Amino acid sequence: MASQPPLTPAPDEVDDRPLVERARKRDQAAFEELVCRHQARIYGLCYHLTGNHEDANDLAQDSFIKAWKALPGFRGDASFVTWIYRIATNNCLTHLKQRRNSLPHISLNDLDANAENDPTLVELVSHHTPRRDSHLSELQKRLNEAMLKLSEEHRMVVTMHDVQGMSHVEIAEVLGCNPGTVRSRLFYARQQLQAWLSDLIK
């Protein structure tokens, strides 16, 4: 099985606006720099939503192609990062709707990395969960199956928050909703995952 892509930390607070302005004027070098800055996180998002490296690579590339074509009309109401996330998210949603039987794959290691900073993360990814080490393989399989049971909107917030490490506010900007809605969806999704995996996390 191919290794999991590493959890990519949030990009440094760099100002994309000069590059965006140049890219809007069809400066390809400026746009390539934007791609280099953000391609790892966009690929990571696509991978954790689709569970397939090839699909994630194609979707990430397609997201940047769409961004390049649409960039002249980008008004800067949101940051470039938020904008490209929206494009990638929509791409993934379209892909998932076309392939309802695809199995998303969430890495327990990635969830563990965020659990250290989020005490509310479901017990199933805790380092202190009894039997976790001896049942890791079964838990991984069941977690993937449980993720598939979630609606796309709930799977999205789990991926962005617990895997990508995005804040409630950042997710809300990408999805076009308020942070309260994100918190509600995340709470519901975690409750569902915990219920579906209750026999493994007792």
N, C-alpha and C. Protein backbone atom coordinates (compact mmCIF):
# COMPACT_ATOMS: atom_id res chain seq x y z
N MET A 1 0.85 -1.19 0.00
CA MET A 1 0.00 0.00 0.00
C MET A 1 0.88 1.23 0.00
N ALA A 2 0.52 2.22 -0.76
CA ALA A 2 1.32 3.43 -0.85
C ALA A 2 1.30 4.14 0.50
N SER A 3 2.42 4.80 0.82
CA SER A 3 2.49 5.53 2.08
C SER A 3 1.57 6.73 2.07
N GLN A 4 1.15 7.17 3.27
CA GLN A 4 0.24 8.29 3.38
C GLN A 4 0.98 9.59 3.14
N PRO A 5 0.35 10.58 2.51
CA PRO A 5 0.99 11.88 2.38
C PRO A 5 1.11 12.51 3.74
N PRO A 6 2.20 13.22 4.03
CA PRO A 6 2.36 13.80 5.35
C PRO A 6 1.33 14.88 5.60
N LEU A 7 1.00 15.06 6.88
CA LEU A 7 0.12 16.17 7.25
C LEU A 7 0.87 17.46 7.00
N THR A 8 0.36 18.32 6.14
CA THR A 8 1.05 19.54 5.76
C THR A 8 0.61 20.68 6.65
N PRO A 9 1.53 21.33 7.33
CA PRO A 9 1.13 22.44 8.20
C PRO A 9 0.60 23.60 7.38
N ALA A 10 -0.14 24.47 8.04
CA ALA A 10 -0.67 25.64 7.37
C ALA A 10 0.48 26.46 6.81
N PRO A 11 0.35 27.00 5.61
CA PRO A 11 1.43 27.78 5.03
C PRO A 11 1.72 29.01 5.86
N ASP A 12 2.95 29.46 5.81
CA ASP A 12 3.32 30.67 6.53
C ASP A 12 2.46 31.83 6.06
N GLU A 13 2.33 32.80 6.95
CA GLU A 13 1.52 33.97 6.61
C GLU A 13 2.27 34.82 5.59
N VAL A 14 2.25 34.38 4.36
CA VAL A 14 2.89 35.13 3.29
C VAL A 14 1.83 35.87 2.52
N ASP A 15 2.22 36.98 1.95
CA ASP A 15 1.29 37.80 1.19
C ASP A 15 1.29 37.35 -0.26
N ASP A 16 0.20 36.72 -0.67
CA ASP A 16 0.08 36.24 -2.04
C ASP A 16 -0.32 37.34 -3.01
N ARG A 17 -0.77 38.48 -2.51
CA ARG A 17 -1.38 39.48 -3.38
C ARG A 17 -0.49 39.97 -4.52
N PRO A 18 0.80 40.23 -4.27
CA PRO A 18 1.64 40.66 -5.41
C PRO A 18 1.70 39.61 -6.52
N LEU A 19 1.83 38.35 -6.11
CA LEU A 19 1.87 37.28 -7.12
C LEU A 19 0.53 37.14 -7.82
N VAL A 20 -0.56 37.28 -7.06
CA VAL A 20 -1.90 37.18 -7.64
C VAL A 20 -2.11 38.27 -8.68
N GLU A 21 -1.69 39.48 -8.36
CA GLU A 21 -1.86 40.58 -9.30
C GLU A 21 -1.09 40.34 -10.58
N ARG A 22 0.11 39.83 -10.45
CA ARG A 22 0.91 39.52 -11.65
C ARG A 22 0.27 38.38 -12.43
N ALA A 23 -0.19 37.36 -11.70
CA ALA A 23 -0.80 36.21 -12.37
C ALA A 23 -2.09 36.60 -13.09
N ARG A 24 -2.83 37.53 -12.53
CA ARG A 24 -4.06 37.99 -13.17
C ARG A 24 -3.77 38.63 -14.53
N LYS A 25 -2.55 39.13 -14.69
CA LYS A 25 -2.12 39.73 -15.95
C LYS A 25 -1.44 38.69 -16.84
N ARG A 26 -1.66 37.41 -16.49
CA ARG A 26 -1.17 36.25 -17.25
C ARG A 26 0.33 36.06 -17.15
N ASP A 27 0.90 36.41 -16.00
CA ASP A 27 2.30 36.14 -15.72
C ASP A 27 2.39 34.69 -15.21
N GLN A 28 2.85 33.79 -16.06
CA GLN A 28 2.87 32.37 -15.71
C GLN A 28 3.87 32.08 -14.60
N ALA A 29 4.97 32.80 -14.56
CA ALA A 29 5.97 32.56 -13.51
C ALA A 29 5.38 32.88 -12.14
N ALA A 30 4.60 33.93 -12.06
CA ALA A 30 3.97 34.31 -10.79
C ALA A 30 2.97 33.24 -10.36
N PHE A 31 2.22 32.72 -11.32
CA PHE A 31 1.24 31.69 -10.97
C PHE A 31 1.94 30.40 -10.56
N GLU A 32 3.03 30.06 -11.21
CA GLU A 32 3.78 28.86 -10.83
C GLU A 32 4.29 28.97 -9.39
N GLU A 33 4.65 30.19 -8.97
CA GLU A 33 5.08 30.39 -7.59
C GLU A 33 3.92 30.17 -6.63
N LEU A 34 2.73 30.61 -7.01
CA LEU A 34 1.55 30.37 -6.18
C LEU A 34 1.27 28.87 -6.07
N VAL A 35 1.43 28.17 -7.17
CA VAL A 35 1.23 26.72 -7.16
C VAL A 35 2.23 26.06 -6.22
N CYS A 36 3.48 26.45 -6.30
CA CYS A 36 4.51 25.88 -5.43
C CYS A 36 4.21 26.12 -3.96
N ARG A 37 3.66 27.29 -3.66
CA ARG A 37 3.35 27.62 -2.28
C ARG A 37 2.24 26.75 -1.70
N HIS A 38 1.26 26.41 -2.53
CA HIS A 38 0.03 25.82 -1.99
C HIS A 38 -0.31 24.42 -2.50
N GLN A 39 0.49 23.87 -3.40
CA GLN A 39 0.11 22.60 -4.01
C GLN A 39 0.09 21.44 -3.00
N ALA A 40 0.97 21.46 -2.01
CA ALA A 40 1.02 20.35 -1.05
C ALA A 40 -0.29 20.24 -0.27
N ARG A 41 -0.81 21.36 0.20
CA ARG A 41 -2.05 21.33 0.99
C ARG A 41 -3.25 20.98 0.10
N ILE A 42 -3.25 21.48 -1.12
CA ILE A 42 -4.37 21.18 -2.02
C ILE A 42 -4.36 19.70 -2.38
N TYR A 43 -3.19 19.17 -2.65
CA TYR A 43 -3.09 17.74 -2.91
C TYR A 43 -3.55 16.94 -1.69
N GLY A 44 -3.11 17.36 -0.51
CA GLY A 44 -3.49 16.66 0.71
C GLY A 44 -5.00 16.65 0.92
N LEU A 45 -5.63 17.78 0.65
CA LEU A 45 -7.09 17.85 0.76
C LEU A 45 -7.74 16.87 -0.20
N CYS A 46 -7.31 16.90 -1.44
CA CYS A 46 -7.90 16.02 -2.46
C CYS A 46 -7.67 14.55 -2.12
N TYR A 47 -6.50 14.23 -1.60
CA TYR A 47 -6.21 12.84 -1.26
C TYR A 47 -7.10 12.35 -0.14
N HIS A 48 -7.22 13.13 0.91
CA HIS A 48 -7.99 12.67 2.06
C HIS A 48 -9.49 12.66 1.80
N LEU A 49 -9.92 13.32 0.76
CA LEU A 49 -11.34 13.27 0.41
C LEU A 49 -11.64 12.15 -0.58
N THR A 50 -10.65 11.74 -1.36
CA THR A 50 -10.89 10.71 -2.37
C THR A 50 -10.28 9.37 -2.01
N GLY A 51 -9.22 9.38 -1.22
CA GLY A 51 -8.56 8.14 -0.84
C GLY A 51 -7.74 7.51 -1.95
N ASN A 52 -7.40 8.28 -2.96
CA ASN A 52 -6.68 7.73 -4.10
C ASN A 52 -5.63 8.73 -4.57
N HIS A 53 -4.38 8.28 -4.63
CA HIS A 53 -3.29 9.19 -4.99
C HIS A 53 -3.44 9.73 -6.40
N GLU A 54 -3.79 8.86 -7.35
CA GLU A 54 -3.91 9.30 -8.74
C GLU A 54 -5.06 10.30 -8.89
N ASP A 55 -6.21 10.00 -8.27
CA ASP A 55 -7.33 10.92 -8.33
C ASP A 55 -6.97 12.25 -7.69
N ALA A 56 -6.29 12.17 -6.55
CA ALA A 56 -5.91 13.41 -5.84
C ALA A 56 -4.98 14.26 -6.69
N ASN A 57 -4.03 13.61 -7.35
CA ASN A 57 -3.10 14.34 -8.20
C ASN A 57 -3.84 15.01 -9.35
N ASP A 58 -4.75 14.27 -9.98
CA ASP A 58 -5.52 14.83 -11.10
C ASP A 58 -6.41 15.97 -10.64
N LEU A 59 -7.08 15.79 -9.51
CA LEU A 59 -7.98 16.82 -9.01
C LEU A 59 -7.23 18.08 -8.59
N ALA A 60 -6.07 17.90 -7.97
CA ALA A 60 -5.26 19.05 -7.57
C ALA A 60 -4.79 19.83 -8.80
N GLN A 61 -4.29 19.10 -9.80
CA GLN A 61 -3.84 19.77 -11.02
C GLN A 61 -4.99 20.49 -11.71
N ASP A 62 -6.14 19.82 -11.76
CA ASP A 62 -7.30 20.43 -12.40
C ASP A 62 -7.76 21.68 -11.64
N SER A 63 -7.62 21.65 -10.32
CA SER A 63 -8.00 22.82 -9.52
C SER A 63 -7.14 24.03 -9.87
N PHE A 64 -5.85 23.81 -10.04
CA PHE A 64 -4.97 24.93 -10.38
C PHE A 64 -5.19 25.39 -11.82
N ILE A 65 -5.51 24.45 -12.70
CA ILE A 65 -5.83 24.84 -14.09
C ILE A 65 -7.07 25.72 -14.11
N LYS A 66 -8.09 25.32 -13.35
CA LYS A 66 -9.30 26.12 -13.28
C LYS A 66 -9.01 27.49 -12.65
N ALA A 67 -8.15 27.50 -11.64
CA ALA A 67 -7.79 28.77 -11.01
C ALA A 67 -7.09 29.70 -12.00
N TRP A 68 -6.19 29.15 -12.80
CA TRP A 68 -5.48 29.94 -13.79
C TRP A 68 -6.45 30.56 -14.79
N LYS A 69 -7.41 29.77 -15.24
CA LYS A 69 -8.38 30.27 -16.21
C LYS A 69 -9.30 31.32 -15.61
N ALA A 70 -9.63 31.15 -14.34
CA ALA A 70 -10.58 32.07 -13.69
C ALA A 70 -9.92 33.26 -13.02
N LEU A 71 -8.60 33.25 -12.93
CA LEU A 71 -7.88 34.26 -12.17
C LEU A 71 -8.14 35.70 -12.62
N PRO A 72 -8.29 35.97 -13.92
CA PRO A 72 -8.57 37.37 -14.30
C PRO A 72 -9.83 37.94 -13.64
N GLY A 73 -10.77 37.06 -13.29
CA GLY A 73 -11.99 37.53 -12.64
C GLY A 73 -11.94 37.48 -11.13
N PHE A 74 -10.81 37.05 -10.56
CA PHE A 74 -10.66 36.97 -9.11
C PHE A 74 -10.55 38.37 -8.53
N ARG A 75 -11.50 38.73 -7.67
CA ARG A 75 -11.55 40.09 -7.15
C ARG A 75 -10.83 40.26 -5.82
N GLY A 76 -10.41 39.17 -5.23
CA GLY A 76 -9.69 39.28 -3.98
C GLY A 76 -10.57 39.46 -2.76
N ASP A 77 -11.87 39.13 -2.88
CA ASP A 77 -12.76 39.24 -1.72
C ASP A 77 -12.32 38.28 -0.61
N ALA A 78 -11.75 37.17 -1.00
CA ALA A 78 -11.16 36.22 -0.05
C ALA A 78 -9.69 36.07 -0.41
N SER A 79 -8.94 35.42 0.47
CA SER A 79 -7.53 35.20 0.17
C SER A 79 -7.41 34.18 -0.96
N PHE A 80 -6.26 34.16 -1.60
CA PHE A 80 -6.03 33.19 -2.67
C PHE A 80 -6.15 31.77 -2.13
N VAL A 81 -5.65 31.54 -0.90
CA VAL A 81 -5.71 30.21 -0.30
C VAL A 81 -7.15 29.75 -0.17
N THR A 82 -8.01 30.63 0.37
CA THR A 82 -9.42 30.28 0.53
C THR A 82 -10.06 30.01 -0.82
N TRP A 83 -9.72 30.83 -1.80
CA TRP A 83 -10.30 30.70 -3.14
C TRP A 83 -9.91 29.37 -3.79
N ILE A 84 -8.63 29.02 -3.72
CA ILE A 84 -8.19 27.77 -4.36
C ILE A 84 -8.74 26.56 -3.59
N TYR A 85 -8.91 26.72 -2.28
CA TYR A 85 -9.54 25.64 -1.51
C TYR A 85 -10.97 25.41 -1.96
N ARG A 86 -11.69 26.49 -2.23
CA ARG A 86 -13.07 26.36 -2.70
C ARG A 86 -13.12 25.62 -4.03
N ILE A 87 -12.20 25.97 -4.91
CA ILE A 87 -12.15 25.30 -6.22
C ILE A 87 -11.87 23.81 -6.04
N ALA A 88 -10.87 23.51 -5.21
CA ALA A 88 -10.51 22.10 -4.99
C ALA A 88 -11.63 21.33 -4.30
N THR A 89 -12.29 21.98 -3.36
CA THR A 89 -13.41 21.34 -2.65
C THR A 89 -14.53 21.00 -3.62
N ASN A 90 -14.88 21.95 -4.47
CA ASN A 90 -15.93 21.71 -5.47
C ASN A 90 -15.53 20.60 -6.43
N ASN A 91 -14.26 20.58 -6.81
CA ASN A 91 -13.77 19.52 -7.69
C ASN A 91 -13.96 18.15 -7.02
N CYS A 92 -13.58 18.08 -5.75
CA CYS A 92 -13.68 16.81 -5.04
C CYS A 92 -15.14 16.38 -4.87
N LEU A 93 -16.01 17.33 -4.56
CA LEU A 93 -17.43 17.01 -4.40
C LEU A 93 -18.00 16.45 -5.70
N THR A 94 -17.64 17.08 -6.81
CA THR A 94 -18.11 16.59 -8.11
C THR A 94 -17.60 15.18 -8.36
N HIS A 95 -16.33 14.97 -8.06
CA HIS A 95 -15.72 13.65 -8.25
C HIS A 95 -16.41 12.60 -7.38
N LEU A 96 -16.66 12.93 -6.13
CA LEU A 96 -17.28 11.98 -5.21
C LEU A 96 -18.71 11.65 -5.63
N LYS A 97 -19.41 12.61 -6.16
CA LYS A 97 -20.76 12.36 -6.63
C LYS A 97 -20.76 11.44 -7.84
N GLN A 98 -19.71 11.54 -8.63
CA GLN A 98 -19.60 10.68 -9.81
C GLN A 98 -19.13 9.28 -9.45
N ARG A 99 -18.50 9.16 -8.31
CA ARG A 99 -17.98 7.86 -7.88
C ARG A 99 -18.42 7.58 -6.45
N ARG A 100 -19.68 7.35 -6.29
CA ARG A 100 -20.26 7.14 -4.96
C ARG A 100 -19.66 5.96 -4.23
N ASN A 101 -19.11 5.02 -4.99
CA ASN A 101 -18.57 3.82 -4.35
C ASN A 101 -17.09 3.95 -4.01
N SER A 102 -16.52 5.14 -4.18
CA SER A 102 -15.11 5.31 -3.83
C SER A 102 -14.98 5.35 -2.32
N LEU A 103 -13.87 4.83 -1.83
CA LEU A 103 -13.67 4.74 -0.39
C LEU A 103 -12.63 5.76 0.06
N PRO A 104 -13.02 6.80 0.76
CA PRO A 104 -12.05 7.77 1.25
C PRO A 104 -11.16 7.13 2.30
N HIS A 105 -9.92 7.57 2.37
CA HIS A 105 -8.97 6.96 3.28
C HIS A 105 -8.40 8.03 4.19
N ILE A 106 -8.62 7.87 5.48
CA ILE A 106 -8.11 8.83 6.46
C ILE A 106 -7.04 8.14 7.28
N SER A 107 -5.88 8.75 7.37
CA SER A 107 -4.77 8.16 8.09
C SER A 107 -4.91 8.39 9.58
N LEU A 108 -4.80 7.31 10.37
CA LEU A 108 -4.84 7.46 11.81
C LEU A 108 -3.67 8.29 12.31
N ASN A 109 -2.53 8.19 11.66
CA ASN A 109 -1.39 9.00 12.06
C ASN A 109 -1.67 10.47 11.90
N ASP A 110 -2.34 10.84 10.81
CA ASP A 110 -2.68 12.24 10.59
C ASP A 110 -3.67 12.72 11.64
N LEU A 111 -4.65 11.89 11.98
CA LEU A 111 -5.62 12.28 12.99
C LEU A 111 -4.93 12.41 14.35
N ASP A 112 -3.99 11.53 14.64
CA ASP A 112 -3.27 11.61 15.89
C ASP A 112 -2.52 12.93 16.03
N ALA A 113 -1.95 13.40 14.93
CA ALA A 113 -1.18 14.64 14.97
C ALA A 113 -2.03 15.80 15.42
N ASN A 114 -3.28 15.84 14.98
CA ASN A 114 -4.17 16.92 15.38
C ASN A 114 -4.81 16.66 16.73
N ALA A 115 -4.93 15.41 17.13
CA ALA A 115 -5.54 15.09 18.42
C ALA A 115 -4.73 15.68 19.57
N GLU A 116 -3.42 15.80 19.37
CA GLU A 116 -2.58 16.35 20.42
C GLU A 116 -2.98 17.77 20.76
N ASN A 117 -3.49 18.51 19.77
CA ASN A 117 -3.87 19.90 19.99
C ASN A 117 -5.38 20.07 20.10
N ASP A 118 -6.13 18.99 20.07
CA ASP A 118 -7.58 19.08 20.10
C ASP A 118 -8.12 18.01 21.03
N PRO A 119 -8.31 18.36 22.32
CA PRO A 119 -8.75 17.36 23.29
C PRO A 119 -10.16 16.84 23.04
N THR A 120 -10.92 17.50 22.16
CA THR A 120 -12.28 17.05 21.88
C THR A 120 -12.33 16.01 20.78
N LEU A 121 -11.18 15.71 20.16
CA LEU A 121 -11.18 14.72 19.08
C LEU A 121 -11.67 13.38 19.60
N VAL A 122 -12.44 12.68 18.80
CA VAL A 122 -13.06 11.44 19.26
C VAL A 122 -12.04 10.48 19.83
N GLU A 123 -12.49 9.68 20.79
CA GLU A 123 -11.63 8.79 21.53
C GLU A 123 -10.92 7.78 20.65
N LEU A 124 -11.50 7.52 19.49
CA LEU A 124 -10.94 6.46 18.65
C LEU A 124 -9.53 6.76 18.18
N VAL A 125 -9.07 8.01 18.20
CA VAL A 125 -7.72 8.30 17.74
C VAL A 125 -6.79 8.66 18.89
N SER A 126 -7.24 8.49 20.11
CA SER A 126 -6.42 8.84 21.26
C SER A 126 -5.28 7.84 21.44
N HIS A 127 -4.13 8.37 21.87
CA HIS A 127 -3.01 7.48 22.17
C HIS A 127 -3.33 6.59 23.36
N HIS A 128 -4.32 6.98 24.17
CA HIS A 128 -4.62 6.26 25.39
C HIS A 128 -5.80 5.30 25.24
N THR A 129 -6.30 5.13 24.02
CA THR A 129 -7.41 4.21 23.81
C THR A 129 -6.98 2.78 24.07
N PRO A 130 -7.65 2.07 24.98
CA PRO A 130 -7.29 0.66 25.22
C PRO A 130 -7.42 -0.16 23.94
N ARG A 131 -6.55 -1.08 23.75
CA ARG A 131 -6.57 -2.02 22.61
C ARG A 131 -6.22 -1.35 21.28
N ARG A 132 -5.89 -0.05 21.28
CA ARG A 132 -5.66 0.63 20.00
C ARG A 132 -4.53 -0.01 19.21
N ASP A 133 -3.40 -0.25 19.89
CA ASP A 133 -2.25 -0.79 19.17
C ASP A 133 -2.53 -2.17 18.59
N SER A 134 -3.23 -3.02 19.33
CA SER A 134 -3.47 -4.38 18.87
C SER A 134 -4.55 -4.45 17.81
N HIS A 135 -5.33 -3.40 17.66
CA HIS A 135 -6.42 -3.43 16.69
C HIS A 135 -6.27 -2.31 15.65
N LEU A 136 -5.05 -1.85 15.44
CA LEU A 136 -4.84 -0.73 14.54
C LEU A 136 -5.31 -1.01 13.12
N SER A 137 -5.00 -2.19 12.60
CA SER A 137 -5.37 -2.52 11.24
C SER A 137 -6.88 -2.56 11.07
N GLU A 138 -7.56 -3.21 12.01
CA GLU A 138 -9.01 -3.29 11.95
C GLU A 138 -9.65 -1.92 12.11
N LEU A 139 -9.08 -1.10 12.99
CA LEU A 139 -9.61 0.24 13.21
C LEU A 139 -9.46 1.09 11.96
N GLN A 140 -8.30 0.94 11.29
CA GLN A 140 -8.08 1.70 10.06
C GLN A 140 -9.14 1.35 9.01
N LYS A 141 -9.38 0.06 8.84
CA LYS A 141 -10.37 -0.38 7.87
C LYS A 141 -11.75 0.12 8.23
N ARG A 142 -12.11 -0.02 9.50
CA ARG A 142 -13.43 0.40 9.94
C ARG A 142 -13.59 1.91 9.87
N LEU A 143 -12.52 2.65 10.15
CA LEU A 143 -12.59 4.11 10.08
C LEU A 143 -12.87 4.56 8.65
N ASN A 144 -12.21 3.91 7.70
CA ASN A 144 -12.45 4.24 6.29
C ASN A 144 -13.90 3.97 5.92
N GLU A 145 -14.42 2.84 6.38
CA GLU A 145 -15.81 2.49 6.09
C GLU A 145 -16.77 3.47 6.76
N ALA A 146 -16.43 3.88 7.99
CA ALA A 146 -17.28 4.83 8.71
C ALA A 146 -17.27 6.19 8.03
N MET A 147 -16.11 6.60 7.54
CA MET A 147 -16.02 7.88 6.84
C MET A 147 -16.91 7.90 5.61
N LEU A 148 -16.98 6.75 4.94
CA LEU A 148 -17.81 6.64 3.75
C LEU A 148 -19.28 6.80 4.08
N LYS A 149 -19.67 6.42 5.30
CA LYS A 149 -21.06 6.53 5.70
C LYS A 149 -21.48 7.98 5.94
N LEU A 150 -20.51 8.84 6.27
CA LEU A 150 -20.82 10.24 6.51
C LEU A 150 -21.29 10.91 5.22
N SER A 151 -22.14 11.90 5.37
CA SER A 151 -22.51 12.70 4.21
C SER A 151 -21.27 13.45 3.75
N GLU A 152 -21.29 13.94 2.52
CA GLU A 152 -20.13 14.65 1.99
C GLU A 152 -19.81 15.90 2.80
N GLU A 153 -20.84 16.62 3.27
CA GLU A 153 -20.58 17.84 4.02
C GLU A 153 -19.94 17.54 5.37
N HIS A 154 -20.32 16.41 5.98
CA HIS A 154 -19.71 16.05 7.25
C HIS A 154 -18.30 15.48 7.05
N ARG A 155 -18.12 14.69 6.01
CA ARG A 155 -16.79 14.17 5.69
C ARG A 155 -15.83 15.31 5.41
N MET A 156 -16.35 16.37 4.76
CA MET A 156 -15.52 17.51 4.41
C MET A 156 -14.95 18.20 5.64
N VAL A 157 -15.80 18.44 6.65
CA VAL A 157 -15.31 19.18 7.82
C VAL A 157 -14.36 18.32 8.65
N VAL A 158 -14.59 17.00 8.71
CA VAL A 158 -13.66 16.13 9.42
C VAL A 158 -12.30 16.17 8.74
N THR A 159 -12.30 16.09 7.41
CA THR A 159 -11.04 16.12 6.67
C THR A 159 -10.31 17.43 6.87
N MET A 160 -11.02 18.54 6.72
CA MET A 160 -10.37 19.85 6.82
C MET A 160 -9.87 20.14 8.23
N HIS A 161 -10.67 19.77 9.24
CA HIS A 161 -10.30 20.10 10.61
C HIS A 161 -9.35 19.08 11.22
N ASP A 162 -9.73 17.80 11.20
CA ASP A 162 -8.96 16.79 11.92
C ASP A 162 -7.78 16.26 11.14
N VAL A 163 -7.80 16.41 9.82
CA VAL A 163 -6.68 15.94 9.01
C VAL A 163 -5.82 17.10 8.53
N GLN A 164 -6.46 18.13 7.98
CA GLN A 164 -5.72 19.26 7.44
C GLN A 164 -5.35 20.28 8.51
N GLY A 165 -6.01 20.23 9.66
CA GLY A 165 -5.67 21.14 10.74
C GLY A 165 -6.18 22.56 10.57
N MET A 166 -7.24 22.73 9.78
CA MET A 166 -7.79 24.05 9.56
C MET A 166 -8.70 24.46 10.71
N SER A 167 -8.80 25.75 10.95
CA SER A 167 -9.66 26.25 12.02
C SER A 167 -11.11 26.27 11.56
N HIS A 168 -12.02 26.43 12.52
CA HIS A 168 -13.44 26.53 12.18
C HIS A 168 -13.71 27.71 11.25
N VAL A 169 -13.04 28.82 11.51
CA VAL A 169 -13.24 30.02 10.70
C VAL A 169 -12.75 29.80 9.28
N GLU A 170 -11.59 29.18 9.13
CA GLU A 170 -11.05 28.91 7.79
C GLU A 170 -11.97 27.98 7.00
N ILE A 171 -12.47 26.95 7.67
CA ILE A 171 -13.38 26.02 7.00
C ILE A 171 -14.66 26.73 6.58
N ALA A 172 -15.17 27.58 7.46
CA ALA A 172 -16.39 28.32 7.16
C ALA A 172 -16.21 29.19 5.93
N GLU A 173 -15.04 29.81 5.79
CA GLU A 173 -14.76 30.65 4.62
C GLU A 173 -14.74 29.83 3.35
N VAL A 174 -14.15 28.65 3.43
CA VAL A 174 -14.08 27.79 2.24
C VAL A 174 -15.45 27.29 1.84
N LEU A 175 -16.23 26.85 2.83
CA LEU A 175 -17.52 26.23 2.54
C LEU A 175 -18.66 27.24 2.41
N GLY A 176 -18.39 28.49 2.72
CA GLY A 176 -19.42 29.51 2.59
C GLY A 176 -20.52 29.40 3.63
N CYS A 177 -20.16 29.02 4.85
CA CYS A 177 -21.13 28.95 5.93
C CYS A 177 -20.53 29.66 7.15
N ASN A 178 -21.22 29.63 8.28
CA ASN A 178 -20.67 30.28 9.47
C ASN A 178 -19.94 29.27 10.35
N PRO A 179 -19.03 29.73 11.22
CA PRO A 179 -18.27 28.81 12.06
C PRO A 179 -19.14 27.93 12.93
N GLY A 180 -20.29 28.44 13.36
CA GLY A 180 -21.20 27.63 14.16
C GLY A 180 -21.68 26.41 13.41
N THR A 181 -21.94 26.56 12.13
CA THR A 181 -22.35 25.43 11.30
C THR A 181 -21.23 24.41 11.20
N VAL A 182 -20.00 24.89 11.06
CA VAL A 182 -18.85 23.99 11.00
C VAL A 182 -18.73 23.20 12.30
N ARG A 183 -18.85 23.88 13.43
CA ARG A 183 -18.75 23.20 14.73
C ARG A 183 -19.85 22.15 14.87
N SER A 184 -21.05 22.50 14.44
CA SER A 184 -22.18 21.58 14.53
C SER A 184 -21.95 20.34 13.68
N ARG A 185 -21.49 20.54 12.45
CA ARG A 185 -21.23 19.42 11.56
C ARG A 185 -20.11 18.54 12.09
N LEU A 186 -19.07 19.18 12.63
CA LEU A 186 -17.94 18.43 13.16
C LEU A 186 -18.36 17.61 14.38
N PHE A 187 -19.14 18.21 15.26
CA PHE A 187 -19.63 17.49 16.43
C PHE A 187 -20.47 16.28 16.01
N TYR A 188 -21.38 16.50 15.08
CA TYR A 188 -22.24 15.41 14.62
C TYR A 188 -21.41 14.30 13.98
N ALA A 189 -20.46 14.69 13.13
CA ALA A 189 -19.63 13.70 12.43
C ALA A 189 -18.83 12.86 13.42
N ARG A 190 -18.25 13.52 14.43
CA ARG A 190 -17.47 12.79 15.42
C ARG A 190 -18.35 11.85 16.24
N GLN A 191 -19.54 12.30 16.57
CA GLN A 191 -20.47 11.46 17.31
C GLN A 191 -20.83 10.21 16.49
N GLN A 192 -21.05 10.42 15.20
CA GLN A 192 -21.38 9.30 14.33
C GLN A 192 -20.21 8.33 14.22
N LEU A 193 -19.02 8.85 14.02
CA LEU A 193 -17.84 7.98 13.91
C LEU A 193 -17.63 7.19 15.19
N GLN A 194 -17.80 7.86 16.31
CA GLN A 194 -17.60 7.18 17.58
C GLN A 194 -18.64 6.10 17.79
N ALA A 195 -19.87 6.37 17.39
CA ALA A 195 -20.93 5.37 17.54
C ALA A 195 -20.68 4.16 16.66
N TRP A 196 -20.28 4.41 15.41
CA TRP A 196 -20.05 3.32 14.47
C TRP A 196 -18.86 2.45 14.86
N LEU A 197 -17.92 3.05 15.60
CA LEU A 197 -16.71 2.33 15.98
C LEU A 197 -16.68 2.00 17.47
N SER A 198 -17.84 2.08 18.11
CA SER A 198 -17.89 1.93 19.57
C SER A 198 -17.34 0.58 20.04
N ASP A 199 -17.54 -0.47 19.25
CA ASP A 199 -17.07 -1.79 19.68
C ASP A 199 -15.55 -1.89 19.64
N LEU A 200 -14.90 -0.97 18.96
CA LEU A 200 -13.44 -1.01 18.86
C LEU A 200 -12.76 -0.07 19.84
N ILE A 201 -13.53 0.87 20.41
CA ILE A 201 -12.89 1.89 21.24
C ILE A 201 -13.34 1.83 22.70
N LYS A 202 -13.93 0.73 23.09
CA LYS A 202 -14.33 0.59 24.50
C LYS A 202 -13.09 0.44 25.37
